[in-house]
Structures are given as C-alpha cells and as structure tokens.
Amino acid sequence: MVAPLVHSAALALVVGGAACLYVASPRQSLTRARRWRPGLFAAAFLLAAWMVWRIRLAPGAAFFTTVAALMPLLIAWPSLAALRGRK
C-alpha cells in the first residue's frame, strides 16, 4: 500500500524538477526571474525524489530511477512548448 504512494510522490517531484530545469534554461522566456532560482529548485526537487525513492529502493537504484524518469521529461518539455507555441 505504501509503494504506490512512494512512487507517485517521487514521480511528481521528478516532473517538478524537470519543469524547473526547463524554466532555468538560458533561452527560456517564460519567466524573467533570476536564472539560479529555478536551478536550485530543480536540484532540490530531484534530490527529494531520490530520497523518496530510497525508501523503497537501494541508493544506486534510486539514483538511476530518478535519472531514467528525468530523461523523457527533458525531451518532452521543449517539445510540448514548441507545439503550444505553434498555432
């Protein structure tokens, strides 16, 4: 019963971290905020996701699970933004 909650929370943190990484990119024009804040939030979200996954997985497996979940999101965010900008 705890496993779905742990994995859902970790995936939500990874999605938040990927969104913060996308906003922190140098050519992003969604926000005019300082660039280091979204980067710090991204690091905090991804570290939290790793820590949540460590509840159920070994440390190495939790790290690679976090990275594996992050990779498709880093591809999806710019693609979704490009599709949204095209009308």
PDB file of N, CA and C in Angstrom:
ATOM      1  N   MET A   1       0.816  -1.200   0.000  1.00  0.00           N
ATOM      2  CA  MET A   1       0.000   0.000   0.000  1.00  0.00           C
ATOM      3  C   MET A   1       0.856   1.260   0.000  1.00  0.00           C
ATOM      4  N   VAL A   2       2.043   1.183   0.569  1.00  0.00           N
ATOM      5  CA  VAL A   2       2.921   2.342   0.636  1.00  0.00           C
ATOM      6  C   VAL A   2       3.666   2.555  -0.673  1.00  0.00           C
ATOM      7  N   ALA A   3       3.951   1.492  -1.391  1.00  0.00           N
ATOM      8  CA  ALA A   3       4.756   1.584  -2.610  1.00  0.00           C
ATOM      9  C   ALA A   3       4.148   2.502  -3.672  1.00  0.00           C
ATOM     10  N   PRO A   4       2.841   2.426  -3.975  1.00  0.00           N
ATOM     11  CA  PRO A   4       2.302   3.351  -4.978  1.00  0.00           C
ATOM     12  C   PRO A   4       2.410   4.822  -4.561  1.00  0.00           C
ATOM     13  N   LEU A   5       2.238   5.074  -3.269  1.00  0.00           N
ATOM     14  CA  LEU A   5       2.351   6.448  -2.773  1.00  0.00           C
ATOM     15  C   LEU A   5       3.786   6.953  -2.903  1.00  0.00           C
ATOM     16  N   VAL A   6       4.748   6.100  -2.592  1.00  0.00           N
ATOM     17  CA  VAL A   6       6.159   6.478  -2.692  1.00  0.00           C
ATOM     18  C   VAL A   6       6.530   6.764  -4.143  1.00  0.00           C
ATOM     19  N   HIS A   7       6.142   5.886  -5.044  1.00  0.00           N
ATOM     20  CA  HIS A   7       6.495   6.074  -6.453  1.00  0.00           C
ATOM     21  C   HIS A   7       5.770   7.278  -7.056  1.00  0.00           C
ATOM     22  N   SER A   8       4.526   7.487  -6.678  1.00  0.00           N
ATOM     23  CA  SER A   8       3.790   8.651  -7.191  1.00  0.00           C
ATOM     24  C   SER A   8       4.401   9.955  -6.701  1.00  0.00           C
ATOM     25  N   ALA A   9       4.778   9.995  -5.435  1.00  0.00           N
ATOM     26  CA  ALA A   9       5.398  11.202  -4.889  1.00  0.00           C
ATOM     27  C   ALA A   9       6.742  11.477  -5.559  1.00  0.00           C
ATOM     28  N   ALA A  10       7.533  10.427  -5.764  1.00  0.00           N
ATOM     29  CA  ALA A  10       8.833  10.605  -6.402  1.00  0.00           C
ATOM     30  C   ALA A  10       8.672  11.047  -7.858  1.00  0.00           C
ATOM     31  N   LEU A  11       7.715  10.476  -8.570  1.00  0.00           N
ATOM     32  CA  LEU A  11       7.485  10.896  -9.957  1.00  0.00           C
ATOM     33  C   LEU A  11       7.005  12.344 -10.025  1.00  0.00           C
ATOM     34  N   ALA A  12       6.171  12.753  -9.087  1.00  0.00           N
ATOM     35  CA  ALA A  12       5.725  14.149  -9.054  1.00  0.00           C
ATOM     36  C   ALA A  12       6.903  15.094  -8.796  1.00  0.00           C
ATOM     37  N   LEU A  13       7.809  14.692  -7.940  1.00  0.00           N
ATOM     38  CA  LEU A  13       8.996  15.503  -7.690  1.00  0.00           C
ATOM     39  C   LEU A  13       9.901  15.569  -8.917  1.00  0.00           C
ATOM     40  N   VAL A  14      10.014  14.475  -9.639  1.00  0.00           N
ATOM     41  CA  VAL A  14      10.829  14.471 -10.866  1.00  0.00           C
ATOM     42  C   VAL A  14      10.194  15.385 -11.920  1.00  0.00           C
ATOM     43  N   VAL A  15       8.881  15.354 -12.048  1.00  0.00           N
ATOM     44  CA  VAL A  15       8.203  16.249 -13.001  1.00  0.00           C
ATOM     45  C   VAL A  15       8.444  17.705 -12.614  1.00  0.00           C
ATOM     46  N   GLY A  16       8.354  18.006 -11.333  1.00  0.00           N
ATOM     47  CA  GLY A  16       8.638  19.366 -10.873  1.00  0.00           C
ATOM     48  C   GLY A  16      10.075  19.771 -11.126  1.00  0.00           C
ATOM     49  N   GLY A  17      11.001  18.847 -10.897  1.00  0.00           N
ATOM     50  CA  GLY A  17      12.410  19.134 -11.166  1.00  0.00           C
ATOM     51  C   GLY A  17      12.685  19.356 -12.639  1.00  0.00           C
ATOM     52  N   ALA A  18      12.052  18.568 -13.496  1.00  0.00           N
ATOM     53  CA  ALA A  18      12.234  18.746 -14.941  1.00  0.00           C
ATOM     54  C   ALA A  18      11.647  20.076 -15.401  1.00  0.00           C
ATOM     55  N   ALA A  19      10.513  20.454 -14.839  1.00  0.00           N
ATOM     56  CA  ALA A  19       9.913  21.751 -15.196  1.00  0.00           C
ATOM     57  C   ALA A  19      10.817  22.895 -14.756  1.00  0.00           C
ATOM     58  N   CYS A  20      11.401  22.775 -13.578  1.00  0.00           N
ATOM     59  CA  CYS A  20      12.315  23.823 -13.111  1.00  0.00           C
ATOM     60  C   CYS A  20      13.579  23.884 -13.969  1.00  0.00           C
ATOM     61  N   LEU A  21      14.081  22.739 -14.393  1.00  0.00           N
ATOM     62  CA  LEU A  21      15.237  22.743 -15.294  1.00  0.00           C
ATOM     63  C   LEU A  21      14.901  23.400 -16.622  1.00  0.00           C
ATOM     64  N   TYR A  22      13.692  23.162 -17.112  1.00  0.00           N
ATOM     65  CA  TYR A  22      13.284  23.775 -18.370  1.00  0.00           C
ATOM     66  C   TYR A  22      13.174  25.291 -18.221  1.00  0.00           C
ATOM     67  N   VAL A  23      12.609  25.746 -17.124  1.00  0.00           N
ATOM     68  CA  VAL A  23      12.470  27.187 -16.888  1.00  0.00           C
ATOM     69  C   VAL A  23      13.835  27.837 -16.666  1.00  0.00           C
ATOM     70  N   ALA A  24      14.787  27.090 -16.107  1.00  0.00           N
ATOM     71  CA  ALA A  24      16.109  27.636 -15.825  1.00  0.00           C
ATOM     72  C   ALA A  24      17.016  27.695 -17.048  1.00  0.00           C
ATOM     73  N   SER A  25      16.586  27.148 -18.166  1.00  0.00           N
ATOM     74  CA  SER A  25      17.448  27.163 -19.351  1.00  0.00           C
ATOM     75  C   SER A  25      17.670  28.595 -19.827  1.00  0.00           C
ATOM     76  N   PRO A  26      18.838  28.890 -20.386  1.00  0.00           N
ATOM     77  CA  PRO A  26      19.185  30.269 -20.721  1.00  0.00           C
ATOM     78  C   PRO A  26      18.304  30.915 -21.795  1.00  0.00           C
ATOM     79  N   ARG A  27      17.760  30.151 -22.697  1.00  0.00           N
ATOM     80  CA  ARG A  27      16.942  30.739 -23.765  1.00  0.00           C
ATOM     81  C   ARG A  27      15.450  30.693 -23.471  1.00  0.00           C
ATOM     82  N   GLN A  28      15.094  30.353 -22.259  1.00  0.00           N
ATOM     83  CA  GLN A  28      13.686  30.295 -21.867  1.00  0.00           C
ATOM     84  C   GLN A  28      13.165  31.703 -21.605  1.00  0.00           C
ATOM     85  N   SER A  29      12.016  32.016 -22.161  1.00  0.00           N
ATOM     86  CA  SER A  29      11.458  33.352 -21.986  1.00  0.00           C
ATOM     87  C   SER A  29      10.132  33.332 -21.224  1.00  0.00           C
ATOM     88  N   LEU A  30       9.795  32.214 -20.584  1.00  0.00           N
ATOM     89  CA  LEU A  30       8.549  32.164 -19.816  1.00  0.00           C
ATOM     90  C   LEU A  30       8.599  33.064 -18.599  1.00  0.00           C
ATOM     91  N   THR A  31       9.718  33.094 -17.945  1.00  0.00           N
ATOM     92  CA  THR A  31       9.836  33.914 -16.752  1.00  0.00           C
ATOM     93  C   THR A  31      11.016  34.854 -16.901  1.00  0.00           C
ATOM     94  N   ARG A  32      10.920  35.940 -16.217  1.00  0.00           N
ATOM     95  CA  ARG A  32      12.030  36.895 -16.175  1.00  0.00           C
ATOM     96  C   ARG A  32      12.732  36.845 -14.825  1.00  0.00           C
ATOM     97  N   ALA A  33      12.526  35.762 -14.103  1.00  0.00           N
ATOM     98  CA  ALA A  33      13.148  35.604 -12.785  1.00  0.00           C
ATOM     99  C   ALA A  33      14.642  35.349 -12.946  1.00  0.00           C
ATOM    100  N   ARG A  34      15.328  35.476 -11.863  1.00  0.00           N
ATOM    101  CA  ARG A  34      16.751  35.147 -11.900  1.00  0.00           C
ATOM    102  C   ARG A  34      16.921  33.684 -12.255  1.00  0.00           C
ATOM    103  N   ARG A  35      17.940  33.390 -12.990  1.00  0.00           N
ATOM    104  CA  ARG A  35      18.108  32.038 -13.525  1.00  0.00           C
ATOM    105  C   ARG A  35      18.558  31.024 -12.479  1.00  0.00           C
ATOM    106  N   TRP A  36      19.131  31.462 -11.378  1.00  0.00           N
ATOM    107  CA  TRP A  36      19.641  30.493 -10.424  1.00  0.00           C
ATOM    108  C   TRP A  36      18.539  29.932  -9.548  1.00  0.00           C
ATOM    109  N   ARG A  37      17.450  30.636  -9.356  1.00  0.00           N
ATOM    110  CA  ARG A  37      16.380  30.124  -8.506  1.00  0.00           C
ATOM    111  C   ARG A  37      15.730  28.859  -9.064  1.00  0.00           C
ATOM    112  N   PRO A  38      15.302  28.845 -10.320  1.00  0.00           N
ATOM    113  CA  PRO A  38      14.732  27.584 -10.826  1.00  0.00           C
ATOM    114  C   PRO A  38      15.743  26.443 -10.812  1.00  0.00           C
ATOM    115  N   GLY A  39      17.008  26.745 -11.003  1.00  0.00           N
ATOM    116  CA  GLY A  39      18.029  25.703 -10.952  1.00  0.00           C
ATOM    117  C   GLY A  39      18.178  25.113  -9.557  1.00  0.00           C
ATOM    118  N   LEU A  40      18.098  25.971  -8.549  1.00  0.00           N
ATOM    119  CA  LEU A  40      18.160  25.473  -7.174  1.00  0.00           C
ATOM    120  C   LEU A  40      16.922  24.654  -6.826  1.00  0.00           C
ATOM    121  N   PHE A  41      15.755  25.111  -7.286  1.00  0.00           N
ATOM    122  CA  PHE A  41      14.539  24.347  -7.053  1.00  0.00           C
ATOM    123  C   PHE A  41      14.599  23.002  -7.776  1.00  0.00           C
ATOM    124  N   ALA A  42      15.157  22.984  -8.969  1.00  0.00           N
ATOM    125  CA  ALA A  42      15.289  21.726  -9.707  1.00  0.00           C
ATOM    126  C   ALA A  42      16.187  20.757  -8.949  1.00  0.00           C
ATOM    127  N   ALA A  43      17.300  21.256  -8.453  1.00  0.00           N
ATOM    128  CA  ALA A  43      18.194  20.391  -7.679  1.00  0.00           C
ATOM    129  C   ALA A  43      17.507  19.880  -6.419  1.00  0.00           C
ATOM    130  N   ALA A  44      16.751  20.743  -5.767  1.00  0.00           N
ATOM    131  CA  ALA A  44      16.051  20.324  -4.544  1.00  0.00           C
ATOM    132  C   ALA A  44      14.978  19.281  -4.854  1.00  0.00           C
ATOM    133  N   PHE A  45      14.213  19.485  -5.931  1.00  0.00           N
ATOM    134  CA  PHE A  45      13.179  18.516  -6.302  1.00  0.00           C
ATOM    135  C   PHE A  45      13.784  17.167  -6.661  1.00  0.00           C
ATOM    136  N   LEU A  46      14.864  17.179  -7.439  1.00  0.00           N
ATOM    137  CA  LEU A  46      15.474  15.917  -7.861  1.00  0.00           C
ATOM    138  C   LEU A  46      16.145  15.200  -6.698  1.00  0.00           C
ATOM    139  N   LEU A  47      16.745  15.952  -5.791  1.00  0.00           N
ATOM    140  CA  LEU A  47      17.318  15.334  -4.600  1.00  0.00           C
ATOM    141  C   LEU A  47      16.215  14.741  -3.732  1.00  0.00           C
ATOM    142  N   ALA A  48      15.108  15.452  -3.613  1.00  0.00           N
ATOM    143  CA  ALA A  48      13.977  14.935  -2.828  1.00  0.00           C
ATOM    144  C   ALA A  48      13.399  13.679  -3.473  1.00  0.00           C
ATOM    145  N   ALA A  49      13.332  13.650  -4.803  1.00  0.00           N
ATOM    146  CA  ALA A  49      12.838  12.451  -5.488  1.00  0.00           C
ATOM    147  C   ALA A  49      13.750  11.265  -5.215  1.00  0.00           C
ATOM    148  N   TRP A  50      15.048  11.509  -5.261  1.00  0.00           N
ATOM    149  CA  TRP A  50      15.994  10.437  -4.964  1.00  0.00           C
ATOM    150  C   TRP A  50      15.816   9.942  -3.527  1.00  0.00           C
ATOM    151  N   MET A  51      15.622  10.881  -2.597  1.00  0.00           N
ATOM    152  CA  MET A  51      15.449  10.496  -1.193  1.00  0.00           C
ATOM    153  C   MET A  51      14.147   9.722  -0.977  1.00  0.00           C
ATOM    154  N   VAL A  52      13.095  10.105  -1.695  1.00  0.00           N
ATOM    155  CA  VAL A  52      11.825   9.382  -1.570  1.00  0.00           C
ATOM    156  C   VAL A  52      11.968   7.978  -2.143  1.00  0.00           C
ATOM    157  N   TRP A  53      12.634   7.856  -3.286  1.00  0.00           N
ATOM    158  CA  TRP A  53      12.819   6.528  -3.869  1.00  0.00           C
ATOM    159  C   TRP A  53      13.734   5.654  -3.014  1.00  0.00           C
ATOM    160  N   ARG A  54      14.597   6.273  -2.213  1.00  0.00           N
ATOM    161  CA  ARG A  54      15.462   5.479  -1.332  1.00  0.00           C
ATOM    162  C   ARG A  54      14.663   4.761  -0.255  1.00  0.00           C
ATOM    163  N   ILE A  55      13.422   5.183  -0.021  1.00  0.00           N
ATOM    164  CA  ILE A  55      12.576   4.481   0.948  1.00  0.00           C
ATOM    165  C   ILE A  55      12.333   3.049   0.487  1.00  0.00           C
ATOM    166  N   ARG A  56      12.125   2.865  -0.805  1.00  0.00           N
ATOM    167  CA  ARG A  56      11.795   1.538  -1.335  1.00  0.00           C
ATOM    168  C   ARG A  56      12.944   0.871  -2.093  1.00  0.00           C
ATOM    169  N   LEU A  57      13.932   1.647  -2.556  1.00  0.00           N
ATOM    170  CA  LEU A  57      14.989   1.101  -3.407  1.00  0.00           C
ATOM    171  C   LEU A  57      16.356   1.311  -2.767  1.00  0.00           C
ATOM    172  N   ALA A  58      17.345   0.609  -3.287  1.00  0.00           N
ATOM    173  CA  ALA A  58      18.728   0.831  -2.873  1.00  0.00           C
ATOM    174  C   ALA A  58      19.186   2.192  -3.402  1.00  0.00           C
ATOM    175  N   PRO A  59      20.200   2.796  -2.787  1.00  0.00           N
ATOM    176  CA  PRO A  59      20.624   4.133  -3.212  1.00  0.00           C
ATOM    177  C   PRO A  59      20.996   4.231  -4.694  1.00  0.00           C
ATOM    178  N   GLY A  60      21.720   3.262  -5.195  1.00  0.00           N
ATOM    179  CA  GLY A  60      22.101   3.286  -6.612  1.00  0.00           C
ATOM    180  C   GLY A  60      20.904   3.126  -7.528  1.00  0.00           C
ATOM    181  N   ALA A  61      20.021   2.229  -7.177  1.00  0.00           N
ATOM    182  CA  ALA A  61      18.817   2.032  -7.981  1.00  0.00           C
ATOM    183  C   ALA A  61      17.922   3.264  -7.934  1.00  0.00           C
ATOM    184  N   ALA A  62      17.859   3.920  -6.782  1.00  0.00           N
ATOM    185  CA  ALA A  62      17.055   5.133  -6.665  1.00  0.00           C
ATOM    186  C   ALA A  62      17.624   6.254  -7.540  1.00  0.00           C
ATOM    187  N   PHE A  63      18.947   6.370  -7.574  1.00  0.00           N
ATOM    188  CA  PHE A  63      19.576   7.388  -8.420  1.00  0.00           C
ATOM    189  C   PHE A  63      19.278   7.148  -9.893  1.00  0.00           C
ATOM    190  N   PHE A  64      19.480   5.924 -10.352  1.00  0.00           N
ATOM    191  CA  PHE A  64      19.249   5.632 -11.763  1.00  0.00           C
ATOM    192  C   PHE A  64      17.775   5.680 -12.130  1.00  0.00           C
ATOM    193  N   THR A  65      16.892   5.381 -11.187  1.00  0.00           N
ATOM    194  CA  THR A  65      15.462   5.532 -11.436  1.00  0.00           C
ATOM    195  C   THR A  65      15.102   6.998 -11.598  1.00  0.00           C
ATOM    196  N   THR A  66      15.690   7.855 -10.766  1.00  0.00           N
ATOM    197  CA  THR A  66      15.451   9.293 -10.889  1.00  0.00           C
ATOM    198  C   THR A  66      15.945   9.816 -12.232  1.00  0.00           C
ATOM    199  N   VAL A  67      17.131   9.409 -12.623  1.00  0.00           N
ATOM    200  CA  VAL A  67      17.691   9.866 -13.901  1.00  0.00           C
ATOM    201  C   VAL A  67      16.889   9.313 -15.078  1.00  0.00           C
ATOM    202  N   ALA A  68      16.478   8.059 -14.977  1.00  0.00           N
ATOM    203  CA  ALA A  68      15.699   7.452 -16.061  1.00  0.00           C
ATOM    204  C   ALA A  68      14.328   8.098 -16.191  1.00  0.00           C
ATOM    205  N   ALA A  69      13.730   8.503 -15.100  1.00  0.00           N
ATOM    206  CA  ALA A  69      12.439   9.197 -15.166  1.00  0.00           C
ATOM    207  C   ALA A  69      12.610  10.629 -15.667  1.00  0.00           C
ATOM    208  N   LEU A  70      13.775  11.212 -15.422  1.00  0.00           N
ATOM    209  CA  LEU A  70      14.027  12.595 -15.837  1.00  0.00           C
ATOM    210  C   LEU A  70      14.290  12.715 -17.336  1.00  0.00           C
ATOM    211  N   MET A  71      14.931  11.734 -17.931  1.00  0.00           N
ATOM    212  CA  MET A  71      15.331  11.824 -19.338  1.00  0.00           C
ATOM    213  C   MET A  71      14.167  12.061 -20.305  1.00  0.00           C
ATOM    214  N   PRO A  72      13.075  11.297 -20.250  1.00  0.00           N
ATOM    215  CA  PRO A  72      11.985  11.586 -21.202  1.00  0.00           C
ATOM    216  C   PRO A  72      11.323  12.933 -20.954  1.00  0.00           C
ATOM    217  N   LEU A  73      11.326  13.376 -19.705  1.00  0.00           N
ATOM    218  CA  LEU A  73      10.728  14.676 -19.415  1.00  0.00           C
ATOM    219  C   LEU A  73      11.564  15.827 -19.970  1.00  0.00           C
ATOM    220  N   LEU A  74      12.872  15.660 -19.974  1.00  0.00           N
ATOM    221  CA  LEU A  74      13.727  16.696 -20.552  1.00  0.00           C
ATOM    222  C   LEU A  74      13.549  16.799 -22.063  1.00  0.00           C
ATOM    223  N   ILE A  75      13.085  15.740 -22.674  1.00  0.00           N
ATOM    224  CA  ILE A  75      12.763  15.775 -24.096  1.00  0.00           C
ATOM    225  C   ILE A  75      11.351  16.303 -24.305  1.00  0.00           C
ATOM    226  N   ALA A  76      10.442  15.957 -23.413  1.00  0.00           N
ATOM    227  CA  ALA A  76       9.031  16.315 -23.594  1.00  0.00           C
ATOM    228  C   ALA A  76       8.748  17.790 -23.365  1.00  0.00           C
ATOM    229  N   TRP A  77       9.385  18.423 -22.368  1.00  0.00           N
ATOM    230  CA  TRP A  77       9.067  19.828 -22.075  1.00  0.00           C
ATOM    231  C   TRP A  77       9.315  20.750 -23.269  1.00  0.00           C
ATOM    232  N   PRO A  78      10.484  20.728 -23.914  1.00  0.00           N
ATOM    233  CA  PRO A  78      10.672  21.611 -25.074  1.00  0.00           C
ATOM    234  C   PRO A  78       9.752  21.252 -26.234  1.00  0.00           C
ATOM    235  N   SER A  79       9.478  19.970 -26.406  1.00  0.00           N
ATOM    236  CA  SER A  79       8.579  19.564 -27.488  1.00  0.00           C
ATOM    237  C   SER A  79       7.168  20.077 -27.249  1.00  0.00           C
ATOM    238  N   LEU A  80       6.681  19.966 -26.028  1.00  0.00           N
ATOM    239  CA  LEU A  80       5.353  20.485 -25.703  1.00  0.00           C
ATOM    240  C   LEU A  80       5.295  22.000 -25.830  1.00  0.00           C
ATOM    241  N   ALA A  81       6.366  22.675 -25.443  1.00  0.00           N
ATOM    242  CA  ALA A  81       6.395  24.134 -25.587  1.00  0.00           C
ATOM    243  C   ALA A  81       6.392  24.543 -27.047  1.00  0.00           C
ATOM    244  N   ALA A  82       7.094  23.789 -27.892  1.00  0.00           N
ATOM    245  CA  ALA A  82       7.107  24.098 -29.322  1.00  0.00           C
ATOM    246  C   ALA A  82       5.732  23.855 -29.946  1.00  0.00           C
ATOM    247  N   LEU A  83       5.072  22.786 -29.545  1.00  0.00           N
ATOM    248  CA  LEU A  83       3.743  22.511 -30.061  1.00  0.00           C
ATOM    249  C   LEU A  83       2.736  23.552 -29.577  1.00  0.00           C
ATOM    250  N   ARG A  84       2.896  23.999 -28.356  1.00  0.00           N
ATOM    251  CA  ARG A  84       1.991  25.009 -27.811  1.00  0.00           C
ATOM    252  C   ARG A  84       2.198  26.358 -28.484  1.00  0.00           C
ATOM    253  N   GLY A  85       3.427  26.679 -28.829  1.00  0.00           N
ATOM    254  CA  GLY A  85       3.713  27.954 -29.470  1.00  0.00           C
ATOM    255  C   GLY A  85       3.277  27.999 -30.919  1.00  0.00           C
ATOM    256  N   ARG A  86       3.140  26.858 -31.538  1.00  0.00           N
ATOM    257  CA  ARG A  86       2.730  26.776 -32.949  1.00  0.00           C
ATOM    258  C   ARG A  86       1.203  26.795 -33.028  1.00  0.00           C
ATOM    259  N   LYS A  87       0.654  27.765 -33.736  1.00  0.00           N
ATOM    260  CA  LYS A  87      -0.815  27.839 -33.842  1.00  0.00           C
ATOM    261  C   LYS A  87      -1.278  27.885 -35.275  1.00  0.00           C
TER     262      LYS A  87
END
